[in-house]
Amino acid sequence: MDDLQYIPVFRKVAEAGNFSAAAQALRMTPSTVSRQITRLEERLGVQLLARTTRNLRLTEAGSKFYDSCTRGMAQLEDAIRAISQLQDEPQGLLRVGTTPFFGKLHIVPAITDFLFRYPKVSVDISLGHSDSSFLESGRDVLVRAVPLSGSSIASQPLAPMEHVVCATPQYLQAHGTPRTPRDLVHHNCLISTQPVPVCEWPFIIGRRRRQIRVSGNFRADGMEAIYHAAVVGLGIARLPNYVVGPDIRGGRLISLFPGGMGSADGALGDATTPSTMRAFYLKSRFPDPKTTAFIEFLKVRFKTNYNWERRESAPPGP
């Protein structure tokens, strides 16, 4: 609104008591000051100043308008001060999004530690597999392994992850241990249906990538359900190491095809390329302190040599 430019002029005139002193303080000519006051009065439809040849005074309407302007400027200054303080220390609402099982196992514990360190921050976390864009998600930070693209999106790597084909010792004792990925066709494999049914598992066999078709009597659209079916011995699962690491370390699950690229003697391994869990956020010329603090906190907690096998004793944040 163009009329707003006249308000500082009006306030200065009211405080100075005459046009000349106000004009000098504003580095304007007295005629310019008088003209702007007249325009403001015309816009408001009231007389703000009672003028004589020697002085001026506020009218009743002018006095009320001056008080309102003073309160409004004080509120504006408070708002500016509050915004400036937001840039000084992490505070306010932080919206975080991540996948359900990873969030439950790793991000929720990280958030609770983060909040102890930054008590002026509050967190709203969403655990889901949303395919919406970053802006549509309404999140400040998204933590996931699946890449997000866009010129306005930046990311920070948190920790490497890969998938493991595994089963319980009890299942293997009852049904035999598959010696090669092709043997999986004879086993009960637990199928993930999120986001689509994954009935082919990738492997490296003889230095070549192969897709092995698997089947079984249990399907689920949640990784947690697949995990629980695996640990009770229902079948063979393909799960991220951040889920099954402690179970493999403790002997509750057995990794079936460890190793990398196949060798001449037929060695084999899961062909999934190791990926990286990342924190995605929107680029900004003025980074939000709470977002920056949270990502830095995660970077230290999930450093590049983070051992998923020890999720129960994750290293503390910064």
C-alpha atoms as a PDB file:
ATOM      1  CA  MET A   1       0.000   0.000   0.000  1.00  0.00           C
ATOM      2  CA  ASP A   2       1.599   3.281  -1.161  1.00  0.00           C
ATOM      3  CA  ASP A   3       0.092   5.219   1.746  1.00  0.00           C
ATOM      4  CA  LEU A   4       2.379   3.382   4.176  1.00  0.00           C
ATOM      5  CA  GLN A   5       5.322   5.500   3.015  1.00  0.00           C
ATOM      6  CA  TYR A   6       3.611   8.577   4.488  1.00  0.00           C
ATOM      7  CA  ILE A   7       3.274   7.155   8.001  1.00  0.00           C
ATOM      8  CA  PRO A   8       6.943   7.661   9.080  1.00  0.00           C
ATOM      9  CA  VAL A   9       6.672  11.241   7.782  1.00  0.00           C
ATOM     10  CA  PHE A  10       3.495  11.829   9.792  1.00  0.00           C
ATOM     11  CA  ARG A  11       5.038  10.404  12.960  1.00  0.00           C
ATOM     12  CA  LYS A  12       8.140  12.572  12.589  1.00  0.00           C
ATOM     13  CA  VAL A  13       6.038  15.712  12.094  1.00  0.00           C
ATOM     14  CA  ALA A  14       3.900  14.860  15.132  1.00  0.00           C
ATOM     15  CA  GLU A  15       7.010  14.347  17.247  1.00  0.00           C
ATOM     16  CA  ALA A  16       8.909  17.389  15.920  1.00  0.00           C
ATOM     17  CA  GLY A  17       5.950  19.790  16.166  1.00  0.00           C
ATOM     18  CA  ASN A  18       6.635  21.522  12.841  1.00  0.00           C
ATOM     19  CA  PHE A  19       7.373  20.771   9.205  1.00  0.00           C
ATOM     20  CA  SER A  20      10.852  22.321   9.133  1.00  0.00           C
ATOM     21  CA  ALA A  21      12.314  20.224  11.943  1.00  0.00           C
ATOM     22  CA  ALA A  22      10.682  17.073  10.572  1.00  0.00           C
ATOM     23  CA  ALA A  23      11.969  17.836   7.063  1.00  0.00           C
ATOM     24  CA  GLN A  24      15.500  18.318   8.372  1.00  0.00           C
ATOM     25  CA  ALA A  25      15.406  14.992  10.259  1.00  0.00           C
ATOM     26  CA  LEU A  26      14.003  13.202   7.216  1.00  0.00           C
ATOM     27  CA  ARG A  27      16.375  14.984   4.789  1.00  0.00           C
ATOM     28  CA  MET A  28      13.424  16.284   2.788  1.00  0.00           C
ATOM     29  CA  THR A  29      12.173  19.738   1.925  1.00  0.00           C
ATOM     30  CA  PRO A  30       9.390  21.233   4.076  1.00  0.00           C
ATOM     31  CA  SER A  31       7.155  21.445   1.020  1.00  0.00           C
ATOM     32  CA  THR A  32       7.585  17.719   0.316  1.00  0.00           C
ATOM     33  CA  VAL A  33       6.732  16.872   3.916  1.00  0.00           C
ATOM     34  CA  SER A  34       3.633  19.088   3.826  1.00  0.00           C
ATOM     35  CA  ARG A  35       2.521  17.565   0.527  1.00  0.00           C
ATOM     36  CA  GLN A  36       2.827  14.014   1.859  1.00  0.00           C
ATOM     37  CA  ILE A  37       0.828  14.861   4.990  1.00  0.00           C
ATOM     38  CA  THR A  38      -1.888  16.345   2.799  1.00  0.00           C
ATOM     39  CA  ARG A  39      -2.014  13.199   0.666  1.00  0.00           C
ATOM     40  CA  LEU A  40      -2.282  11.022   3.767  1.00  0.00           C
ATOM     41  CA  GLU A  41      -5.144  13.155   5.106  1.00  0.00           C
ATOM     42  CA  GLU A  42      -6.930  12.931   1.748  1.00  0.00           C
ATOM     43  CA  ARG A  43      -6.516   9.183   1.710  1.00  0.00           C
ATOM     44  CA  LEU A  44      -7.883   8.819   5.251  1.00  0.00           C
ATOM     45  CA  GLY A  45     -10.603  11.443   4.806  1.00  0.00           C
ATOM     46  CA  VAL A  46      -9.740  13.217   8.082  1.00  0.00           C
ATOM     47  CA  GLN A  47      -7.579  16.117   9.181  1.00  0.00           C
ATOM     48  CA  LEU A  48      -4.625  14.894  11.169  1.00  0.00           C
ATOM     49  CA  LEU A  49      -2.874  18.198  11.882  1.00  0.00           C
ATOM     50  CA  ALA A  50      -4.304  21.588  12.780  1.00  0.00           C
ATOM     51  CA  ARG A  51      -1.986  24.090  11.088  1.00  0.00           C
ATOM     52  CA  THR A  52      -1.337  27.750  11.825  1.00  0.00           C
ATOM     53  CA  THR A  53       1.312  30.074  10.424  1.00  0.00           C
ATOM     54  CA  ARG A  54       3.464  29.578  13.522  1.00  0.00           C
ATOM     55  CA  ASN A  55       2.887  25.977  14.675  1.00  0.00           C
ATOM     56  CA  LEU A  56       0.774  22.864  14.317  1.00  0.00           C
ATOM     57  CA  ARG A  57      -0.877  20.386  16.613  1.00  0.00           C
ATOM     58  CA  LEU A  58      -2.502  16.998  16.348  1.00  0.00           C
ATOM     59  CA  THR A  59      -6.254  16.897  15.944  1.00  0.00           C
ATOM     60  CA  GLU A  60      -8.248  14.328  17.899  1.00  0.00           C
ATOM     61  CA  ALA A  61      -8.162  12.041  14.853  1.00  0.00           C
ATOM     62  CA  GLY A  62      -4.478  12.749  14.421  1.00  0.00           C
ATOM     63  CA  SER A  63      -3.726  11.868  18.033  1.00  0.00           C
ATOM     64  CA  LYS A  64      -5.565   8.548  17.749  1.00  0.00           C
ATOM     65  CA  PHE A  65      -3.871   7.786  14.443  1.00  0.00           C
ATOM     66  CA  TYR A  66      -0.459   8.607  15.923  1.00  0.00           C
ATOM     67  CA  ASP A  67      -1.057   6.251  18.867  1.00  0.00           C
ATOM     68  CA  SER A  68      -2.144   3.462  16.505  1.00  0.00           C
ATOM     69  CA  CYS A  69       0.881   3.983  14.269  1.00  0.00           C
ATOM     70  CA  THR A  70       3.207   3.927  17.276  1.00  0.00           C
ATOM     71  CA  ARG A  71       1.737   0.650  18.536  1.00  0.00           C
ATOM     72  CA  GLY A  72       1.881  -0.822  15.037  1.00  0.00           C
ATOM     73  CA  MET A  73       5.536   0.154  14.606  1.00  0.00           C
ATOM     74  CA  ALA A  74       6.370  -1.348  18.001  1.00  0.00           C
ATOM     75  CA  GLN A  75       4.704  -4.627  16.969  1.00  0.00           C
ATOM     76  CA  LEU A  76       6.575  -4.571  13.665  1.00  0.00           C
ATOM     77  CA  GLU A  77       9.869  -4.006  15.470  1.00  0.00           C
ATOM     78  CA  ASP A  78       9.034  -6.890  17.825  1.00  0.00           C
ATOM     79  CA  ALA A  79       8.313  -9.110  14.805  1.00  0.00           C
ATOM     80  CA  ILE A  80      11.609  -8.166  13.181  1.00  0.00           C
ATOM     81  CA  ARG A  81      13.426  -8.791  16.452  1.00  0.00           C
ATOM     82  CA  ALA A  82      11.746 -12.187  16.837  1.00  0.00           C
ATOM     83  CA  ILE A  83      12.706 -13.219  13.305  1.00  0.00           C
ATOM     84  CA  SER A  84      16.278 -12.112  13.928  1.00  0.00           C
ATOM     85  CA  GLN A  85      16.388 -14.221  17.070  1.00  0.00           C
ATOM     86  CA  LEU A  86      15.251 -17.235  15.057  1.00  0.00           C
ATOM     87  CA  GLN A  87      18.457 -16.883  13.077  1.00  0.00           C
ATOM     88  CA  ASP A  88      20.540 -16.731  16.261  1.00  0.00           C
ATOM     89  CA  GLU A  89      19.639 -20.122  17.750  1.00  0.00           C
ATOM     90  CA  PRO A  90      17.617 -23.210  16.798  1.00  0.00           C
ATOM     91  CA  GLN A  91      13.994 -22.779  17.857  1.00  0.00           C
ATOM     92  CA  GLY A  92      10.486 -23.280  16.539  1.00  0.00           C
ATOM     93  CA  LEU A  93       8.755 -26.176  14.790  1.00  0.00           C
ATOM     94  CA  LEU A  94      10.871 -28.600  12.728  1.00  0.00           C
ATOM     95  CA  ARG A  95       8.968 -30.887  10.343  1.00  0.00           C
ATOM     96  CA  VAL A  96      10.763 -34.166   9.607  1.00  0.00           C
ATOM     97  CA  GLY A  97       9.755 -36.953   7.254  1.00  0.00           C
ATOM     98  CA  THR A  98      11.236 -40.430   6.864  1.00  0.00           C
ATOM     99  CA  THR A  99      10.290 -44.032   6.114  1.00  0.00           C
ATOM    100  CA  PRO A 100       8.412 -45.955   8.824  1.00  0.00           C
ATOM    101  CA  PHE A 101      10.877 -48.615   9.975  1.00  0.00           C
ATOM    102  CA  PHE A 102      14.029 -46.548   9.608  1.00  0.00           C
ATOM    103  CA  GLY A 103      12.285 -43.722  11.410  1.00  0.00           C
ATOM    104  CA  LYS A 104      11.187 -45.948  14.264  1.00  0.00           C
ATOM    105  CA  LEU A 105      14.607 -47.583  14.671  1.00  0.00           C
ATOM    106  CA  HIS A 106      16.922 -44.640  14.119  1.00  0.00           C
ATOM    107  CA  ILE A 107      15.336 -41.230  13.549  1.00  0.00           C
ATOM    108  CA  VAL A 108      12.915 -41.141  16.492  1.00  0.00           C
ATOM    109  CA  PRO A 109      15.731 -41.942  18.989  1.00  0.00           C
ATOM    110  CA  ALA A 110      17.881 -39.297  17.287  1.00  0.00           C
ATOM    111  CA  ILE A 111      15.093 -36.713  17.552  1.00  0.00           C
ATOM    112  CA  THR A 112      14.593 -37.290  21.254  1.00  0.00           C
ATOM    113  CA  ASP A 113      18.307 -36.738  21.878  1.00  0.00           C
ATOM    114  CA  PHE A 114      18.212 -33.671  19.612  1.00  0.00           C
ATOM    115  CA  LEU A 115      15.339 -32.162  21.604  1.00  0.00           C
ATOM    116  CA  PHE A 116      17.220 -32.609  24.871  1.00  0.00           C
ATOM    117  CA  ARG A 117      20.058 -30.620  23.317  1.00  0.00           C
ATOM    118  CA  TYR A 118      17.818 -27.964  21.742  1.00  0.00           C
ATOM    119  CA  PRO A 119      14.835 -27.463  24.087  1.00  0.00           C
ATOM    120  CA  LYS A 120      13.475 -24.469  22.131  1.00  0.00           C
ATOM    121  CA  VAL A 121      12.813 -26.712  19.120  1.00  0.00           C
ATOM    122  CA  SER A 122       9.691 -28.833  18.700  1.00  0.00           C
ATOM    123  CA  VAL A 123       9.437 -31.632  16.127  1.00  0.00           C
ATOM    124  CA  ASP A 124       6.601 -32.980  13.994  1.00  0.00           C
ATOM    125  CA  ILE A 125       7.689 -36.277  12.423  1.00  0.00           C
ATOM    126  CA  SER A 126       5.861 -38.091   9.623  1.00  0.00           C
ATOM    127  CA  LEU A 127       6.592 -41.793   9.081  1.00  0.00           C
ATOM    128  CA  GLY A 128       5.453 -42.862   5.635  1.00  0.00           C
ATOM    129  CA  HIS A 129       6.273 -43.725   2.028  1.00  0.00           C
ATOM    130  CA  SER A 130       4.866 -40.558   0.457  1.00  0.00           C
ATOM    131  CA  ASP A 131       5.743 -40.046  -3.204  1.00  0.00           C
ATOM    132  CA  SER A 132       4.701 -36.378  -3.109  1.00  0.00           C
ATOM    133  CA  SER A 133       7.199 -33.690  -4.006  1.00  0.00           C
ATOM    134  CA  PHE A 134       9.316 -32.107  -1.330  1.00  0.00           C
ATOM    135  CA  LEU A 135       7.220 -28.932  -1.319  1.00  0.00           C
ATOM    136  CA  GLU A 136       3.962 -30.887  -1.209  1.00  0.00           C
ATOM    137  CA  SER A 137       5.217 -32.905   1.750  1.00  0.00           C
ATOM    138  CA  GLY A 138       5.481 -29.784   3.889  1.00  0.00           C
ATOM    139  CA  ARG A 139       8.614 -31.176   5.561  1.00  0.00           C
ATOM    140  CA  ASP A 140      11.767 -29.220   6.426  1.00  0.00           C
ATOM    141  CA  VAL A 141      13.916 -32.370   6.273  1.00  0.00           C
ATOM    142  CA  LEU A 142      13.320 -35.711   4.564  1.00  0.00           C
ATOM    143  CA  VAL A 143      15.571 -38.631   5.536  1.00  0.00           C
ATOM    144  CA  ARG A 144      15.592 -41.467   3.004  1.00  0.00           C
ATOM    145  CA  ALA A 145      17.789 -43.497   0.660  1.00  0.00           C
ATOM    146  CA  VAL A 146      15.665 -43.050  -2.473  1.00  0.00           C
ATOM    147  CA  PRO A 147      17.025 -39.977  -4.314  1.00  0.00           C
ATOM    148  CA  LEU A 148      15.037 -36.763  -4.662  1.00  0.00           C
ATOM    149  CA  SER A 149      15.657 -34.567  -7.679  1.00  0.00           C
ATOM    150  CA  GLY A 150      15.119 -30.883  -8.228  1.00  0.00           C
ATOM    151  CA  SER A 151      17.226 -27.757  -8.564  1.00  0.00           C
ATOM    152  CA  SER A 152      15.878 -26.399  -5.270  1.00  0.00           C
ATOM    153  CA  ILE A 153      16.742 -29.542  -3.256  1.00  0.00           C
ATOM    154  CA  ALA A 154      20.044 -30.182  -1.494  1.00  0.00           C
ATOM    155  CA  SER A 155      21.150 -33.209   0.521  1.00  0.00           C
ATOM    156  CA  GLN A 156      23.717 -34.352   3.041  1.00  0.00           C
ATOM    157  CA  PRO A 157      24.923 -37.986   3.195  1.00  0.00           C
ATOM    158  CA  LEU A 158      24.374 -39.616   6.576  1.00  0.00           C
ATOM    159  CA  ALA A 159      25.385 -43.278   6.367  1.00  0.00           C
ATOM    160  CA  PRO A 160      25.843 -46.085   3.821  1.00  0.00           C
ATOM    161  CA  MET A 161      23.305 -48.897   3.630  1.00  0.00           C
ATOM    162  CA  GLU A 162      22.787 -52.095   1.667  1.00  0.00           C
ATOM    163  CA  HIS A 163      20.384 -55.032   1.552  1.00  0.00           C
ATOM    164  CA  VAL A 164      21.018 -58.433   3.107  1.00  0.00           C
ATOM    165  CA  VAL A 165      19.376 -61.762   2.198  1.00  0.00           C
ATOM    166  CA  CYS A 166      18.917 -63.615   5.457  1.00  0.00           C
ATOM    167  CA  ALA A 167      17.007 -66.222   7.463  1.00  0.00           C
ATOM    168  CA  THR A 168      16.978 -67.688  10.951  1.00  0.00           C
ATOM    169  CA  PRO A 169      19.146 -70.712  11.846  1.00  0.00           C
ATOM    170  CA  GLN A 170      15.923 -72.583  12.645  1.00  0.00           C
ATOM    171  CA  TYR A 171      14.501 -72.001   9.170  1.00  0.00           C
ATOM    172  CA  LEU A 172      17.751 -73.080   7.509  1.00  0.00           C
ATOM    173  CA  GLN A 173      17.963 -76.190   9.661  1.00  0.00           C
ATOM    174  CA  ALA A 174      14.409 -77.182   8.749  1.00  0.00           C
ATOM    175  CA  HIS A 175      14.511 -76.327   5.031  1.00  0.00           C
ATOM    176  CA  GLY A 176      18.191 -76.386   4.116  1.00  0.00           C
ATOM    177  CA  THR A 177      20.574 -73.541   3.322  1.00  0.00           C
ATOM    178  CA  PRO A 178      20.484 -72.254  -0.282  1.00  0.00           C
ATOM    179  CA  ARG A 179      23.975 -72.575  -1.758  1.00  0.00           C
ATOM    180  CA  THR A 180      23.331 -70.219  -4.669  1.00  0.00           C
ATOM    181  CA  PRO A 181      20.700 -67.553  -5.362  1.00  0.00           C
ATOM    182  CA  ARG A 182      19.052 -69.920  -7.872  1.00  0.00           C
ATOM    183  CA  ASP A 183      18.212 -72.211  -4.940  1.00  0.00           C
ATOM    184  CA  LEU A 184      15.850 -69.538  -3.633  1.00  0.00           C
ATOM    185  CA  VAL A 185      13.163 -70.823  -6.020  1.00  0.00           C
ATOM    186  CA  HIS A 186      12.805 -73.780  -3.651  1.00  0.00           C
ATOM    187  CA  HIS A 187      12.359 -71.619  -0.545  1.00  0.00           C
ATOM    188  CA  ASN A 188       9.657 -69.532   1.086  1.00  0.00           C
ATOM    189  CA  CYS A 189      10.708 -65.965   0.368  1.00  0.00           C
ATOM    190  CA  LEU A 190       9.037 -63.028   2.102  1.00  0.00           C
ATOM    191  CA  ILE A 191       7.848 -60.480  -0.474  1.00  0.00           C
ATOM    192  CA  SER A 192       7.698 -56.724   0.021  1.00  0.00           C
ATOM    193  CA  THR A 193       4.892 -54.996  -1.884  1.00  0.00           C
ATOM    194  CA  GLN A 194       5.959 -51.413  -1.156  1.00  0.00           C
ATOM    195  CA  PRO A 195       5.787 -49.559  -3.467  1.00  0.00           C
ATOM    196  CA  VAL A 196       5.185 -52.514  -5.819  1.00  0.00           C
ATOM    197  CA  PRO A 197       5.612 -56.285  -5.305  1.00  0.00           C
ATOM    198  CA  VAL A 198       9.311 -57.152  -5.479  1.00  0.00           C
ATOM    199  CA  CYS A 199       9.336 -60.721  -6.796  1.00  0.00           C
ATOM    200  CA  GLU A 200      12.792 -60.538  -8.356  1.00  0.00           C
ATOM    201  CA  TRP A 201      15.905 -60.131  -6.240  1.00  0.00           C
ATOM    202  CA  PRO A 202      19.165 -58.946  -7.846  1.00  0.00           C
ATOM    203  CA  PHE A 203      22.439 -60.878  -7.476  1.00  0.00           C
ATOM    204  CA  ILE A 204      25.915 -60.954  -8.966  1.00  0.00           C
ATOM    205  CA  ILE A 205      26.641 -64.413 -10.397  1.00  0.00           C
ATOM    206  CA  GLY A 206      29.835 -64.967 -12.344  1.00  0.00           C
ATOM    207  CA  ARG A 207      30.419 -61.216 -12.447  1.00  0.00           C
ATOM    208  CA  ARG A 208      27.066 -60.647 -14.104  1.00  0.00           C
ATOM    209  CA  ARG A 209      23.955 -59.152 -12.630  1.00  0.00           C
ATOM    210  CA  ARG A 210      21.072 -61.613 -12.460  1.00  0.00           C
ATOM    211  CA  GLN A 211      17.459 -61.267 -11.361  1.00  0.00           C
ATOM    212  CA  ILE A 212      16.241 -64.291  -9.415  1.00  0.00           C
ATOM    213  CA  ARG A 213      12.486 -64.709  -9.292  1.00  0.00           C
ATOM    214  CA  VAL A 214      11.275 -65.593  -5.795  1.00  0.00           C
ATOM    215  CA  SER A 215       7.924 -66.490  -4.272  1.00  0.00           C
ATOM    216  CA  GLY A 216       6.438 -67.265  -0.898  1.00  0.00           C
ATOM    217  CA  ASN A 217       3.332 -67.391   1.245  1.00  0.00           C
ATOM    218  CA  PHE A 218       3.794 -63.998   2.923  1.00  0.00           C
ATOM    219  CA  ARG A 219       3.558 -60.522   1.393  1.00  0.00           C
ATOM    220  CA  ALA A 220       3.457 -57.178   3.170  1.00  0.00           C
ATOM    221  CA  ASP A 221       3.588 -53.489   2.287  1.00  0.00           C
ATOM    222  CA  GLY A 222       5.622 -52.722   5.386  1.00  0.00           C
ATOM    223  CA  MET A 223       9.243 -53.585   6.080  1.00  0.00           C
ATOM    224  CA  GLU A 224       8.509 -54.156   9.760  1.00  0.00           C
ATOM    225  CA  ALA A 225       6.083 -56.951   8.900  1.00  0.00           C
ATOM    226  CA  ILE A 226       8.671 -58.620   6.657  1.00  0.00           C
ATOM    227  CA  TYR A 227      11.250 -58.344   9.423  1.00  0.00           C
ATOM    228  CA  HIS A 228       9.033 -59.919  12.064  1.00  0.00           C
ATOM    229  CA  ALA A 229       8.089 -62.761   9.728  1.00  0.00           C
ATOM    230  CA  ALA A 230      11.791 -63.389   9.116  1.00  0.00           C
ATOM    231  CA  VAL A 231      12.898 -63.412  12.758  1.00  0.00           C
ATOM    232  CA  VAL A 232      10.247 -65.977  13.732  1.00  0.00           C
ATOM    233  CA  GLY A 233      11.572 -68.304  11.022  1.00  0.00           C
ATOM    234  CA  LEU A 234       8.771 -68.083   8.450  1.00  0.00           C
ATOM    235  CA  GLY A 235      11.084 -67.676   5.476  1.00  0.00           C
ATOM    236  CA  ILE A 236      13.958 -65.864   3.768  1.00  0.00           C
ATOM    237  CA  ALA A 237      13.916 -62.065   3.624  1.00  0.00           C
ATOM    238  CA  ARG A 238      15.827 -59.339   1.825  1.00  0.00           C
ATOM    239  CA  LEU A 239      16.153 -56.413   4.222  1.00  0.00           C
ATOM    240  CA  PRO A 240      18.412 -53.379   4.768  1.00  0.00           C
ATOM    241  CA  ASN A 241      21.381 -53.782   7.058  1.00  0.00           C
ATOM    242  CA  TYR A 242      20.090 -50.982   9.261  1.00  0.00           C
ATOM    243  CA  VAL A 243      17.205 -53.341  10.153  1.00  0.00           C
ATOM    244  CA  VAL A 244      18.903 -56.725  10.472  1.00  0.00           C
ATOM    245  CA  GLY A 245      22.439 -55.702  11.478  1.00  0.00           C
ATOM    246  CA  PRO A 246      21.986 -56.417  15.208  1.00  0.00           C
ATOM    247  CA  ASP A 247      20.226 -59.718  14.479  1.00  0.00           C
ATOM    248  CA  ILE A 248      23.053 -60.937  12.245  1.00  0.00           C
ATOM    249  CA  ARG A 249      25.614 -59.865  14.795  1.00  0.00           C
ATOM    250  CA  GLY A 250      23.689 -61.681  17.516  1.00  0.00           C
ATOM    251  CA  GLY A 251      23.201 -64.831  15.448  1.00  0.00           C
ATOM    252  CA  ARG A 252      19.401 -64.522  15.302  1.00  0.00           C
ATOM    253  CA  LEU A 253      19.631 -64.185  11.508  1.00  0.00           C
ATOM    254  CA  ILE A 254      22.171 -65.627   9.076  1.00  0.00           C
ATOM    255  CA  SER A 255      23.385 -63.636   6.071  1.00  0.00           C
ATOM    256  CA  LEU A 256      23.135 -66.061   3.146  1.00  0.00           C
ATOM    257  CA  PHE A 257      25.116 -64.500   0.324  1.00  0.00           C
ATOM    258  CA  PRO A 258      27.700 -62.114   1.743  1.00  0.00           C
ATOM    259  CA  GLY A 259      30.342 -60.653  -0.497  1.00  0.00           C
ATOM    260  CA  GLY A 260      30.500 -58.454  -3.513  1.00  0.00           C
ATOM    261  CA  MET A 261      31.242 -59.125  -7.161  1.00  0.00           C
ATOM    262  CA  GLY A 262      31.368 -62.756  -8.278  1.00  0.00           C
ATOM    263  CA  SER A 263      34.747 -64.342  -8.832  1.00  0.00           C
ATOM    264  CA  ALA A 264      35.974 -66.989 -11.265  1.00  0.00           C
ATOM    265  CA  ASP A 265      35.199 -69.781  -8.848  1.00  0.00           C
ATOM    266  CA  GLY A 266      31.548 -68.817  -8.738  1.00  0.00           C
ATOM    267  CA  ALA A 267      31.502 -66.623  -5.621  1.00  0.00           C
ATOM    268  CA  LEU A 268      28.385 -64.541  -5.481  1.00  0.00           C
ATOM    269  CA  GLY A 269      26.659 -61.842  -3.543  1.00  0.00           C
ATOM    270  CA  ASP A 270      23.664 -59.572  -3.360  1.00  0.00           C
ATOM    271  CA  ALA A 271      23.976 -57.300  -6.381  1.00  0.00           C
ATOM    272  CA  THR A 272      22.285 -54.313  -4.823  1.00  0.00           C
ATOM    273  CA  THR A 273      24.584 -51.323  -5.146  1.00  0.00           C
ATOM    274  CA  PRO A 274      25.232 -49.927  -1.678  1.00  0.00           C
ATOM    275  CA  SER A 275      23.265 -46.721  -1.320  1.00  0.00           C
ATOM    276  CA  THR A 276      23.395 -43.858   1.124  1.00  0.00           C
ATOM    277  CA  MET A 277      20.856 -42.653   3.621  1.00  0.00           C
ATOM    278  CA  ARG A 278      20.561 -38.905   3.076  1.00  0.00           C
ATOM    279  CA  ALA A 279      18.949 -35.876   4.639  1.00  0.00           C
ATOM    280  CA  PHE A 280      17.172 -33.792   1.978  1.00  0.00           C
ATOM    281  CA  TYR A 281      16.252 -30.149   2.492  1.00  0.00           C
ATOM    282  CA  LEU A 282      15.412 -27.065   0.449  1.00  0.00           C
ATOM    283  CA  LYS A 283      18.222 -24.759  -0.616  1.00  0.00           C
ATOM    284  CA  SER A 284      18.046 -21.284   0.872  1.00  0.00           C
ATOM    285  CA  ARG A 285      20.097 -18.109   0.956  1.00  0.00           C
ATOM    286  CA  PHE A 286      19.166 -17.886   4.636  1.00  0.00           C
ATOM    287  CA  PRO A 287      19.458 -21.377   6.150  1.00  0.00           C
ATOM    288  CA  ASP A 288      17.089 -22.115   8.998  1.00  0.00           C
ATOM    289  CA  PRO A 289      19.171 -22.672  12.165  1.00  0.00           C
ATOM    290  CA  LYS A 290      16.975 -25.511  13.441  1.00  0.00           C
ATOM    291  CA  THR A 291      17.177 -27.342  10.102  1.00  0.00           C
ATOM    292  CA  THR A 292      20.929 -26.850   9.903  1.00  0.00           C
ATOM    293  CA  ALA A 293      21.404 -27.946  13.512  1.00  0.00           C
ATOM    294  CA  PHE A 294      19.319 -31.091  13.008  1.00  0.00           C
ATOM    295  CA  ILE A 295      21.184 -32.162   9.869  1.00  0.00           C
ATOM    296  CA  GLU A 296      24.557 -31.548  11.522  1.00  0.00           C
ATOM    297  CA  PHE A 297      23.333 -33.543  14.519  1.00  0.00           C
ATOM    298  CA  LEU A 298      22.417 -36.471  12.245  1.00  0.00           C
ATOM    299  CA  LYS A 299      25.707 -36.262  10.346  1.00  0.00           C
ATOM    300  CA  VAL A 300      27.654 -36.783  13.545  1.00  0.00           C
ATOM    301  CA  ARG A 301      25.300 -39.462  14.835  1.00  0.00           C
ATOM    302  CA  PHE A 302      25.226 -41.416  11.562  1.00  0.00           C
ATOM    303  CA  LYS A 303      28.797 -40.818  10.487  1.00  0.00           C
ATOM    304  CA  THR A 304      30.150 -42.628   7.437  1.00  0.00           C
ATOM    305  CA  ASN A 305      31.546 -45.511   9.480  1.00  0.00           C
ATOM    306  CA  TYR A 306      28.324 -45.901  11.441  1.00  0.00           C
ATOM    307  CA  ASN A 307      27.896 -49.512  12.476  1.00  0.00           C
ATOM    308  CA  TRP A 308      24.283 -50.542  11.867  1.00  0.00           C
ATOM    309  CA  GLU A 309      24.978 -53.660  13.901  1.00  0.00           C
ATOM    310  CA  ARG A 310      25.082 -51.486  17.019  1.00  0.00           C
ATOM    311  CA  ARG A 311      21.908 -49.473  16.592  1.00  0.00           C
ATOM    312  CA  GLU A 312      21.102 -49.874  20.288  1.00  0.00           C
ATOM    313  CA  SER A 313      24.174 -47.799  21.202  1.00  0.00           C
ATOM    314  CA  ALA A 314      24.172 -45.094  18.543  1.00  0.00           C
ATOM    315  CA  PRO A 315      26.858 -42.466  19.032  1.00  0.00           C
ATOM    316  CA  PRO A 316      25.597 -39.247  20.603  1.00  0.00           C
ATOM    317  CA  GLY A 317      24.930 -36.105  18.624  1.00  0.00           C
ATOM    318  CA  PRO A 318      27.243 -33.087  18.611  1.00  0.00           C
END
